[in-house]
Amino acid sequence: VHSDQGSQYASGDYLDFLSVHNLIPSMSRRGHCLDNAVAESFFHSLKTERVKRKVYVNRSEAKADLFDYIEVFYNRTRLHSHLGHVTPDEYENTYSQAS
């Protein structure tokens, strides 16, 4: 589980929670805010474009909606500035063909 160096992510309660659920904590290095910029951008997009607007009835509905957002919209439709304004699928197909 990657996070910034906020004190809430270093607290005993948070670290105990991760341990109980067999999760490993990970933090950006101090002063290196771009270590995880692409992942942070993805989660910002996910939250603002999809999750913030939804109320899920159950976990299955949430999983299906997140799958739809990631696999159908985010990877196949949404243009990404860090990929030269193409979709991840288009970028991967171009890169794979160049190899």
N, C-alpha and C. Protein backbone atom coordinates (compact mmCIF):
# COMPACT_ATOMS: atom_id res chain seq x y z
N VAL A 1 0.86 -1.16 0.00
CA VAL A 1 0.00 0.00 0.00
C VAL A 1 0.90 1.21 0.00
N HIS A 2 0.87 1.98 -1.09
CA HIS A 2 1.75 3.14 -1.21
C HIS A 2 1.06 4.40 -0.71
N SER A 3 1.79 5.21 0.01
CA SER A 3 1.24 6.47 0.52
C SER A 3 2.34 7.52 0.56
N ASP A 4 1.94 8.74 0.88
CA ASP A 4 2.95 9.76 1.12
C ASP A 4 3.44 9.60 2.55
N GLN A 5 4.22 10.55 3.03
CA GLN A 5 4.79 10.42 4.37
C GLN A 5 3.95 11.10 5.45
N GLY A 6 2.66 11.21 5.23
CA GLY A 6 1.79 11.79 6.23
C GLY A 6 1.83 11.01 7.53
N SER A 7 1.70 11.71 8.65
CA SER A 7 1.80 11.06 9.96
C SER A 7 0.75 9.98 10.15
N GLN A 8 -0.43 10.14 9.49
CA GLN A 8 -1.47 9.13 9.64
C GLN A 8 -1.03 7.78 9.06
N TYR A 9 -0.10 7.81 8.08
CA TYR A 9 0.36 6.57 7.46
C TYR A 9 1.51 5.94 8.22
N ALA A 10 2.02 6.63 9.22
CA ALA A 10 3.09 6.08 10.05
C ALA A 10 2.57 5.71 11.44
N SER A 11 1.28 5.93 11.69
CA SER A 11 0.72 5.67 13.01
C SER A 11 0.67 4.18 13.30
N GLY A 12 0.73 3.86 14.55
CA GLY A 12 0.67 2.46 14.98
C GLY A 12 -0.61 1.77 14.55
N ASP A 13 -1.74 2.47 14.66
CA ASP A 13 -3.03 1.87 14.28
C ASP A 13 -3.05 1.50 12.80
N TYR A 14 -2.54 2.41 11.96
CA TYR A 14 -2.52 2.16 10.52
C TYR A 14 -1.59 0.98 10.19
N LEU A 15 -0.41 0.98 10.79
CA LEU A 15 0.55 -0.10 10.53
C LEU A 15 0.02 -1.44 11.05
N ASP A 16 -0.66 -1.42 12.18
CA ASP A 16 -1.28 -2.65 12.70
C ASP A 16 -2.35 -3.16 11.74
N PHE A 17 -3.17 -2.25 11.21
CA PHE A 17 -4.20 -2.62 10.24
C PHE A 17 -3.58 -3.30 9.02
N LEU A 18 -2.51 -2.70 8.49
CA LEU A 18 -1.84 -3.31 7.33
C LEU A 18 -1.32 -4.70 7.67
N SER A 19 -0.72 -4.82 8.82
CA SER A 19 -0.16 -6.12 9.23
C SER A 19 -1.24 -7.18 9.36
N VAL A 20 -2.34 -6.85 9.99
CA VAL A 20 -3.46 -7.79 10.17
C VAL A 20 -3.98 -8.28 8.83
N HIS A 21 -3.94 -7.41 7.82
CA HIS A 21 -4.46 -7.75 6.49
C HIS A 21 -3.37 -8.19 5.51
N ASN A 22 -2.19 -8.51 6.06
CA ASN A 22 -1.05 -8.97 5.26
C ASN A 22 -0.69 -8.01 4.14
N LEU A 23 -0.72 -6.71 4.45
CA LEU A 23 -0.35 -5.68 3.48
C LEU A 23 0.98 -5.07 3.88
N ILE A 24 1.76 -4.66 2.91
CA ILE A 24 3.08 -4.09 3.16
C ILE A 24 3.05 -2.59 2.88
N PRO A 25 3.45 -1.76 3.87
CA PRO A 25 3.44 -0.32 3.64
C PRO A 25 4.59 0.12 2.74
N SER A 26 4.35 1.17 1.97
CA SER A 26 5.36 1.75 1.09
C SER A 26 5.15 3.25 1.11
N MET A 27 6.24 4.01 1.20
CA MET A 27 6.14 5.48 1.20
C MET A 27 7.11 6.06 0.20
N SER A 28 6.72 7.22 -0.36
CA SER A 28 7.62 7.97 -1.21
C SER A 28 8.80 8.44 -0.37
N ARG A 29 9.93 8.63 -1.02
CA ARG A 29 11.09 9.17 -0.33
C ARG A 29 10.85 10.65 -0.05
N ARG A 30 11.37 11.12 1.05
CA ARG A 30 11.22 12.53 1.41
C ARG A 30 11.80 13.41 0.30
N GLY A 31 11.00 14.38 -0.13
CA GLY A 31 11.45 15.31 -1.15
C GLY A 31 11.34 14.79 -2.58
N HIS A 32 10.78 13.60 -2.75
CA HIS A 32 10.63 13.01 -4.08
C HIS A 32 9.14 12.78 -4.36
N CYS A 33 8.41 13.87 -4.46
CA CYS A 33 6.95 13.79 -4.59
C CYS A 33 6.51 13.16 -5.91
N LEU A 34 7.40 13.05 -6.89
CA LEU A 34 7.01 12.48 -8.17
C LEU A 34 7.29 10.99 -8.27
N ASP A 35 7.77 10.38 -7.18
CA ASP A 35 8.05 8.94 -7.18
C ASP A 35 6.88 8.14 -7.71
N ASN A 36 5.70 8.52 -7.35
CA ASN A 36 4.52 7.74 -7.67
C ASN A 36 3.47 8.59 -8.39
N ALA A 37 3.92 9.53 -9.18
CA ALA A 37 3.01 10.51 -9.79
C ALA A 37 1.97 9.88 -10.69
N VAL A 38 2.37 8.90 -11.49
CA VAL A 38 1.42 8.28 -12.42
C VAL A 38 0.33 7.53 -11.65
N ALA A 39 0.72 6.78 -10.63
CA ALA A 39 -0.26 6.04 -9.83
C ALA A 39 -1.18 7.01 -9.08
N GLU A 40 -0.60 8.07 -8.54
CA GLU A 40 -1.42 9.05 -7.83
C GLU A 40 -2.39 9.74 -8.78
N SER A 41 -1.95 10.00 -10.00
CA SER A 41 -2.83 10.60 -11.00
C SER A 41 -3.99 9.66 -11.33
N PHE A 42 -3.68 8.36 -11.46
CA PHE A 42 -4.73 7.38 -11.73
C PHE A 42 -5.77 7.37 -10.61
N PHE A 43 -5.33 7.30 -9.37
CA PHE A 43 -6.29 7.23 -8.27
C PHE A 43 -7.09 8.54 -8.13
N HIS A 44 -6.46 9.66 -8.44
CA HIS A 44 -7.21 10.92 -8.45
C HIS A 44 -8.31 10.87 -9.50
N SER A 45 -7.96 10.39 -10.69
CA SER A 45 -8.95 10.29 -11.77
C SER A 45 -10.07 9.33 -11.38
N LEU A 46 -9.71 8.20 -10.83
CA LEU A 46 -10.70 7.21 -10.41
C LEU A 46 -11.68 7.81 -9.40
N LYS A 47 -11.14 8.48 -8.42
CA LYS A 47 -11.99 9.07 -7.38
C LYS A 47 -12.90 10.17 -7.94
N THR A 48 -12.32 11.09 -8.72
CA THR A 48 -13.10 12.24 -9.16
C THR A 48 -14.02 11.93 -10.33
N GLU A 49 -13.61 11.01 -11.21
CA GLU A 49 -14.41 10.71 -12.39
C GLU A 49 -15.44 9.61 -12.15
N ARG A 50 -15.25 8.79 -11.14
CA ARG A 50 -16.17 7.66 -10.99
C ARG A 50 -16.67 7.46 -9.57
N VAL A 51 -15.80 7.18 -8.65
CA VAL A 51 -16.21 6.73 -7.31
C VAL A 51 -16.94 7.81 -6.53
N LYS A 52 -16.50 9.06 -6.65
CA LYS A 52 -17.11 10.15 -5.89
C LYS A 52 -18.60 10.30 -6.21
N ARG A 53 -18.99 9.92 -7.39
CA ARG A 53 -20.37 10.10 -7.84
C ARG A 53 -21.25 8.88 -7.58
N LYS A 54 -20.69 7.81 -7.04
CA LYS A 54 -21.42 6.54 -6.92
C LYS A 54 -21.72 6.19 -5.47
N VAL A 55 -22.83 5.52 -5.30
CA VAL A 55 -23.15 4.86 -4.04
C VAL A 55 -23.38 3.40 -4.41
N TYR A 56 -22.51 2.54 -3.96
CA TYR A 56 -22.59 1.12 -4.32
C TYR A 56 -23.46 0.37 -3.32
N VAL A 57 -24.32 -0.49 -3.83
CA VAL A 57 -25.21 -1.28 -2.98
C VAL A 57 -24.42 -2.37 -2.25
N ASN A 58 -23.43 -2.94 -2.95
CA ASN A 58 -22.62 -4.00 -2.34
C ASN A 58 -21.25 -4.04 -3.01
N ARG A 59 -20.40 -4.90 -2.50
CA ARG A 59 -19.03 -5.01 -2.99
C ARG A 59 -19.00 -5.50 -4.44
N SER A 60 -19.88 -6.40 -4.81
CA SER A 60 -19.92 -6.91 -6.18
C SER A 60 -20.21 -5.80 -7.18
N GLU A 61 -21.14 -4.95 -6.84
CA GLU A 61 -21.46 -3.82 -7.72
C GLU A 61 -20.26 -2.88 -7.85
N ALA A 62 -19.58 -2.63 -6.74
CA ALA A 62 -18.39 -1.77 -6.76
C ALA A 62 -17.30 -2.39 -7.64
N LYS A 63 -17.06 -3.68 -7.47
CA LYS A 63 -16.03 -4.35 -8.28
C LYS A 63 -16.35 -4.27 -9.77
N ALA A 64 -17.60 -4.51 -10.12
CA ALA A 64 -18.01 -4.46 -11.53
C ALA A 64 -17.85 -3.05 -12.09
N ASP A 65 -18.21 -2.05 -11.32
CA ASP A 65 -18.10 -0.67 -11.78
C ASP A 65 -16.63 -0.26 -11.92
N LEU A 66 -15.80 -0.64 -10.97
CA LEU A 66 -14.38 -0.32 -11.06
C LEU A 66 -13.73 -1.02 -12.24
N PHE A 67 -14.12 -2.27 -12.49
CA PHE A 67 -13.61 -2.99 -13.66
C PHE A 67 -14.00 -2.25 -14.93
N ASP A 68 -15.25 -1.82 -15.01
CA ASP A 68 -15.72 -1.09 -16.19
C ASP A 68 -14.94 0.20 -16.38
N TYR A 69 -14.73 0.94 -15.30
CA TYR A 69 -13.99 2.20 -15.39
C TYR A 69 -12.57 1.95 -15.88
N ILE A 70 -11.88 0.99 -15.27
CA ILE A 70 -10.47 0.76 -15.60
C ILE A 70 -10.30 0.12 -16.97
N GLU A 71 -10.97 -1.00 -17.19
CA GLU A 71 -10.73 -1.78 -18.41
C GLU A 71 -11.44 -1.23 -19.65
N VAL A 72 -12.59 -0.62 -19.48
CA VAL A 72 -13.33 -0.13 -20.64
C VAL A 72 -13.04 1.35 -20.90
N PHE A 73 -13.20 2.19 -19.88
CA PHE A 73 -13.02 3.62 -20.09
C PHE A 73 -11.55 4.05 -19.99
N TYR A 74 -10.92 3.81 -18.85
CA TYR A 74 -9.60 4.37 -18.59
C TYR A 74 -8.55 3.85 -19.57
N ASN A 75 -8.55 2.55 -19.84
CA ASN A 75 -7.53 1.96 -20.71
C ASN A 75 -7.84 2.07 -22.20
N ARG A 76 -9.11 2.14 -22.57
CA ARG A 76 -9.47 2.10 -23.99
C ARG A 76 -10.00 3.41 -24.56
N THR A 77 -10.47 4.32 -23.69
CA THR A 77 -11.13 5.53 -24.18
C THR A 77 -10.43 6.81 -23.72
N ARG A 78 -10.06 6.86 -22.44
CA ARG A 78 -9.52 8.10 -21.85
C ARG A 78 -8.12 8.39 -22.38
N LEU A 79 -7.91 9.60 -22.88
CA LEU A 79 -6.60 10.02 -23.37
C LEU A 79 -5.73 10.43 -22.19
N HIS A 80 -4.44 10.12 -22.26
CA HIS A 80 -3.51 10.38 -21.16
C HIS A 80 -2.40 11.31 -21.63
N SER A 81 -2.24 12.43 -20.96
CA SER A 81 -1.24 13.40 -21.38
C SER A 81 0.18 12.84 -21.27
N HIS A 82 0.45 12.04 -20.25
CA HIS A 82 1.81 11.51 -20.10
C HIS A 82 2.13 10.42 -21.13
N LEU A 83 1.14 10.01 -21.93
CA LEU A 83 1.37 9.03 -23.00
C LEU A 83 1.27 9.69 -24.37
N GLY A 84 1.32 11.00 -24.40
CA GLY A 84 1.22 11.70 -25.67
C GLY A 84 -0.21 11.83 -26.18
N HIS A 85 -1.16 11.90 -25.26
CA HIS A 85 -2.59 12.07 -25.58
C HIS A 85 -3.16 10.90 -26.39
N VAL A 86 -2.78 9.69 -26.00
CA VAL A 86 -3.39 8.47 -26.53
C VAL A 86 -3.84 7.64 -25.34
N THR A 87 -4.63 6.61 -25.61
CA THR A 87 -5.08 5.73 -24.53
C THR A 87 -3.96 4.76 -24.17
N PRO A 88 -4.01 4.17 -22.96
CA PRO A 88 -3.01 3.16 -22.61
C PRO A 88 -2.99 1.99 -23.60
N ASP A 89 -4.15 1.57 -24.07
CA ASP A 89 -4.19 0.48 -25.06
C ASP A 89 -3.48 0.87 -26.34
N GLU A 90 -3.75 2.09 -26.84
CA GLU A 90 -3.08 2.55 -28.07
C GLU A 90 -1.57 2.63 -27.86
N TYR A 91 -1.17 3.15 -26.72
CA TYR A 91 0.26 3.27 -26.41
C TYR A 91 0.91 1.90 -26.35
N GLU A 92 0.27 0.97 -25.65
CA GLU A 92 0.82 -0.38 -25.52
C GLU A 92 0.91 -1.07 -26.86
N ASN A 93 -0.13 -0.94 -27.69
CA ASN A 93 -0.11 -1.56 -29.01
C ASN A 93 1.00 -0.98 -29.88
N THR A 94 1.19 0.32 -29.81
CA THR A 94 2.27 0.98 -30.59
C THR A 94 3.62 0.53 -30.08
N TYR A 95 3.79 0.53 -28.76
CA TYR A 95 5.09 0.15 -28.17
C TYR A 95 5.39 -1.31 -28.44
N SER A 96 4.39 -2.19 -28.32
CA SER A 96 4.57 -3.63 -28.55
C SER A 96 5.00 -3.90 -29.99
N GLN A 97 4.42 -3.16 -30.94
CA GLN A 97 4.75 -3.35 -32.36
C GLN A 97 6.14 -2.85 -32.68
N ALA A 98 6.62 -1.85 -31.92
CA ALA A 98 7.94 -1.30 -32.18
C ALA A 98 9.04 -2.20 -31.66
N SER A 99 8.72 -3.10 -30.74
CA SER A 99 9.74 -3.97 -30.13
C SER A 99 10.17 -5.09 -31.02
